[in-house]
Amino acid sequence: MEINHNEVYTTQEAQGLLKVSKSTIKRLIKNGIIRANKVGGTYRILGKEILRAVSPRVESEATDIYQKIKAGVKSKIRNW
């Protein structure tokens, strides 16, 4: 199953995707490794949070690319 970056998952779905136990997913949320929002008494997790937990390097690389693009745009705007 593919993890969609913008999809919202329940803790049970995240468990299945990460192949971890219920207690492990709770611990990951409690320790802030996976950020989640509580909605109606249950947690909801964005796909990007699951991906970040699996591969933090990917998020770091995406942030670096974004910052380079942002700097380039700022320098072009400054010259206007």
N, C-alpha and C. Protein backbone atom coordinates (compact mmCIF):
# COMPACT_ATOMS: atom_id res chain seq x y z
N MET A 1 0.83 -1.17 0.00
CA MET A 1 0.00 0.00 0.00
C MET A 1 0.89 1.25 0.00
N GLU A 2 0.53 2.22 -0.80
CA GLU A 2 1.30 3.45 -0.92
C GLU A 2 0.77 4.48 0.07
N ILE A 3 1.68 5.22 0.70
CA ILE A 3 1.30 6.27 1.63
C ILE A 3 1.17 7.57 0.85
N ASN A 4 -0.03 8.14 0.88
CA ASN A 4 -0.30 9.39 0.19
C ASN A 4 0.09 10.55 1.10
N HIS A 5 0.90 11.45 0.61
CA HIS A 5 1.44 12.58 1.36
C HIS A 5 0.33 13.41 2.02
N ASN A 6 -0.77 13.66 1.31
CA ASN A 6 -1.83 14.53 1.82
C ASN A 6 -3.03 13.79 2.41
N GLU A 7 -2.98 12.49 2.45
CA GLU A 7 -4.08 11.69 3.01
C GLU A 7 -4.06 11.76 4.54
N VAL A 8 -5.23 11.65 5.14
CA VAL A 8 -5.34 11.61 6.60
C VAL A 8 -5.63 10.17 7.01
N TYR A 9 -4.83 9.66 7.95
CA TYR A 9 -4.94 8.27 8.37
C TYR A 9 -5.32 8.19 9.85
N THR A 10 -6.02 7.12 10.21
CA THR A 10 -6.30 6.83 11.61
C THR A 10 -5.07 6.13 12.18
N THR A 11 -5.05 5.99 13.51
CA THR A 11 -3.92 5.29 14.11
C THR A 11 -3.89 3.83 13.67
N GLN A 12 -5.06 3.25 13.48
CA GLN A 12 -5.13 1.86 13.04
C GLN A 12 -4.56 1.71 11.62
N GLU A 13 -4.87 2.65 10.74
CA GLU A 13 -4.33 2.61 9.38
C GLU A 13 -2.82 2.83 9.41
N ALA A 14 -2.36 3.76 10.25
CA ALA A 14 -0.93 4.02 10.37
C ALA A 14 -0.20 2.78 10.90
N GLN A 15 -0.82 2.09 11.85
CA GLN A 15 -0.26 0.84 12.36
C GLN A 15 -0.01 -0.14 11.23
N GLY A 16 -1.02 -0.29 10.39
CA GLY A 16 -0.91 -1.23 9.28
C GLY A 16 0.17 -0.83 8.29
N LEU A 17 0.24 0.47 8.01
CA LEU A 17 1.24 0.95 7.06
C LEU A 17 2.66 0.78 7.59
N LEU A 18 2.84 1.05 8.88
CA LEU A 18 4.17 0.95 9.48
C LEU A 18 4.48 -0.44 10.00
N LYS A 19 3.44 -1.29 10.06
CA LYS A 19 3.58 -2.65 10.58
C LYS A 19 4.13 -2.65 12.01
N VAL A 20 3.45 -1.85 12.87
CA VAL A 20 3.81 -1.78 14.28
C VAL A 20 2.58 -2.06 15.13
N SER A 21 2.80 -2.30 16.41
CA SER A 21 1.69 -2.59 17.31
C SER A 21 0.97 -1.31 17.72
N LYS A 22 -0.18 -1.50 18.36
CA LYS A 22 -0.98 -0.38 18.84
C LYS A 22 -0.20 0.43 19.87
N SER A 23 0.51 -0.24 20.75
CA SER A 23 1.28 0.47 21.78
C SER A 23 2.45 1.25 21.16
N THR A 24 3.04 0.72 20.11
CA THR A 24 4.14 1.41 19.44
C THR A 24 3.66 2.69 18.77
N ILE A 25 2.51 2.63 18.08
CA ILE A 25 2.01 3.82 17.40
C ILE A 25 1.65 4.89 18.43
N LYS A 26 1.09 4.47 19.57
CA LYS A 26 0.77 5.41 20.65
C LYS A 26 2.05 6.06 21.19
N ARG A 27 3.08 5.25 21.36
CA ARG A 27 4.36 5.75 21.87
C ARG A 27 4.99 6.74 20.88
N LEU A 28 4.91 6.43 19.58
CA LEU A 28 5.45 7.32 18.56
C LEU A 28 4.75 8.68 18.59
N ILE A 29 3.45 8.66 18.80
CA ILE A 29 2.68 9.91 18.88
C ILE A 29 3.02 10.65 20.17
N LYS A 30 3.03 9.93 21.29
CA LYS A 30 3.30 10.55 22.59
C LYS A 30 4.69 11.19 22.62
N ASN A 31 5.67 10.56 22.01
CA ASN A 31 7.04 11.08 22.01
C ASN A 31 7.28 12.12 20.92
N GLY A 32 6.26 12.40 20.11
CA GLY A 32 6.40 13.43 19.08
C GLY A 32 7.12 12.98 17.83
N ILE A 33 7.39 11.70 17.71
CA ILE A 33 8.06 11.19 16.52
C ILE A 33 7.11 11.27 15.33
N ILE A 34 5.84 11.00 15.60
CA ILE A 34 4.79 11.21 14.59
C ILE A 34 3.84 12.24 15.18
N ARG A 35 3.63 13.34 14.46
CA ARG A 35 2.69 14.36 14.92
C ARG A 35 1.28 13.96 14.49
N ALA A 36 0.34 14.11 15.42
CA ALA A 36 -1.05 13.73 15.15
C ALA A 36 -1.98 14.74 15.81
N ASN A 37 -3.18 14.83 15.30
CA ASN A 37 -4.21 15.69 15.88
C ASN A 37 -5.36 14.83 16.37
N LYS A 38 -5.87 15.18 17.52
CA LYS A 38 -6.99 14.43 18.09
C LYS A 38 -8.29 15.03 17.56
N VAL A 39 -9.10 14.19 16.95
CA VAL A 39 -10.39 14.60 16.40
C VAL A 39 -11.46 13.67 16.96
N GLY A 40 -12.37 14.23 17.73
CA GLY A 40 -13.45 13.42 18.28
C GLY A 40 -12.99 12.25 19.12
N GLY A 41 -11.90 12.41 19.85
CA GLY A 41 -11.43 11.35 20.72
C GLY A 41 -10.46 10.37 20.09
N THR A 42 -10.23 10.49 18.78
CA THR A 42 -9.26 9.61 18.11
C THR A 42 -8.24 10.45 17.37
N TYR A 43 -7.06 9.90 17.20
CA TYR A 43 -6.00 10.63 16.52
C TYR A 43 -6.11 10.47 15.01
N ARG A 44 -5.71 11.53 14.31
CA ARG A 44 -5.60 11.52 12.86
C ARG A 44 -4.18 11.93 12.51
N ILE A 45 -3.60 11.23 11.54
CA ILE A 45 -2.21 11.44 11.19
C ILE A 45 -2.12 11.73 9.69
N LEU A 46 -1.43 12.80 9.34
CA LEU A 46 -1.21 13.11 7.92
C LEU A 46 -0.19 12.14 7.35
N GLY A 47 -0.37 11.79 6.10
CA GLY A 47 0.55 10.88 5.43
C GLY A 47 1.98 11.38 5.46
N LYS A 48 2.15 12.70 5.34
CA LYS A 48 3.51 13.25 5.35
C LYS A 48 4.21 13.00 6.69
N GLU A 49 3.44 12.90 7.77
CA GLU A 49 4.03 12.60 9.07
C GLU A 49 4.53 11.16 9.13
N ILE A 50 3.77 10.26 8.53
CA ILE A 50 4.19 8.86 8.48
C ILE A 50 5.44 8.74 7.62
N LEU A 51 5.45 9.41 6.48
CA LEU A 51 6.62 9.38 5.60
C LEU A 51 7.84 9.99 6.29
N ARG A 52 7.63 11.07 7.04
CA ARG A 52 8.73 11.72 7.74
C ARG A 52 9.32 10.79 8.79
N ALA A 53 8.46 10.04 9.47
CA ALA A 53 8.93 9.10 10.49
C ALA A 53 9.73 7.96 9.88
N VAL A 54 9.30 7.54 8.70
CA VAL A 54 9.98 6.43 8.03
C VAL A 54 11.32 6.88 7.45
N SER A 55 11.33 8.09 6.88
CA SER A 55 12.54 8.58 6.23
C SER A 55 12.71 10.08 6.44
N PRO A 56 13.28 10.48 7.58
CA PRO A 56 13.45 11.91 7.84
C PRO A 56 14.37 12.59 6.83
N ARG A 57 15.24 11.82 6.20
CA ARG A 57 16.16 12.39 5.21
C ARG A 57 15.40 12.99 4.03
N VAL A 58 14.31 12.34 3.63
CA VAL A 58 13.50 12.83 2.51
C VAL A 58 12.95 14.21 2.83
N GLU A 59 12.44 14.40 4.05
CA GLU A 59 11.92 15.70 4.43
C GLU A 59 13.02 16.74 4.44
N SER A 60 14.18 16.37 4.94
CA SER A 60 15.31 17.29 4.98
C SER A 60 15.73 17.73 3.58
N GLU A 61 15.79 16.78 2.65
CA GLU A 61 16.15 17.11 1.27
C GLU A 61 15.11 18.01 0.62
N ALA A 62 13.84 17.74 0.87
CA ALA A 62 12.76 18.56 0.31
C ALA A 62 12.84 19.98 0.87
N THR A 63 13.14 20.12 2.15
CA THR A 63 13.28 21.44 2.77
C THR A 63 14.45 22.20 2.16
N ASP A 64 15.57 21.52 1.95
CA ASP A 64 16.74 22.16 1.33
C ASP A 64 16.42 22.67 -0.07
N ILE A 65 15.74 21.86 -0.86
CA ILE A 65 15.37 22.27 -2.21
C ILE A 65 14.44 23.46 -2.17
N TYR A 66 13.46 23.43 -1.28
CA TYR A 66 12.52 24.54 -1.14
C TYR A 66 13.25 25.82 -0.77
N GLN A 67 14.20 25.75 0.17
CA GLN A 67 14.93 26.94 0.60
C GLN A 67 15.77 27.52 -0.54
N LYS A 68 16.35 26.66 -1.37
CA LYS A 68 17.13 27.14 -2.52
C LYS A 68 16.24 27.85 -3.53
N ILE A 69 15.08 27.28 -3.79
CA ILE A 69 14.14 27.90 -4.73
C ILE A 69 13.67 29.24 -4.17
N LYS A 70 13.34 29.26 -2.89
CA LYS A 70 12.87 30.47 -2.23
C LYS A 70 13.93 31.58 -2.31
N ALA A 71 15.19 31.24 -2.07
CA ALA A 71 16.27 32.22 -2.13
C ALA A 71 16.41 32.77 -3.54
N GLY A 72 16.28 31.91 -4.55
CA GLY A 72 16.37 32.34 -5.94
C GLY A 72 15.25 33.29 -6.31
N VAL A 73 14.05 33.00 -5.87
CA VAL A 73 12.90 33.86 -6.15
C VAL A 73 13.08 35.21 -5.45
N LYS A 74 13.53 35.19 -4.21
CA LYS A 74 13.74 36.43 -3.47
C LYS A 74 14.76 37.33 -4.15
N SER A 75 15.85 36.72 -4.64
CA SER A 75 16.89 37.53 -5.31
C SER A 75 16.37 38.13 -6.60
N LYS A 76 15.53 37.41 -7.33
CA LYS A 76 14.96 37.95 -8.57
C LYS A 76 13.96 39.06 -8.29
N ILE A 77 13.17 38.91 -7.23
CA ILE A 77 12.18 39.93 -6.86
C ILE A 77 12.91 41.19 -6.39
N ARG A 78 13.99 41.03 -5.67
CA ARG A 78 14.74 42.16 -5.14
C ARG A 78 15.24 43.05 -6.27
N ASN A 79 15.53 42.48 -7.42
CA ASN A 79 16.07 43.24 -8.55
C ASN A 79 14.99 43.99 -9.34
N TRP A 80 13.73 43.77 -9.05
CA TRP A 80 12.66 44.42 -9.79
C TRP A 80 12.57 45.86 -9.44
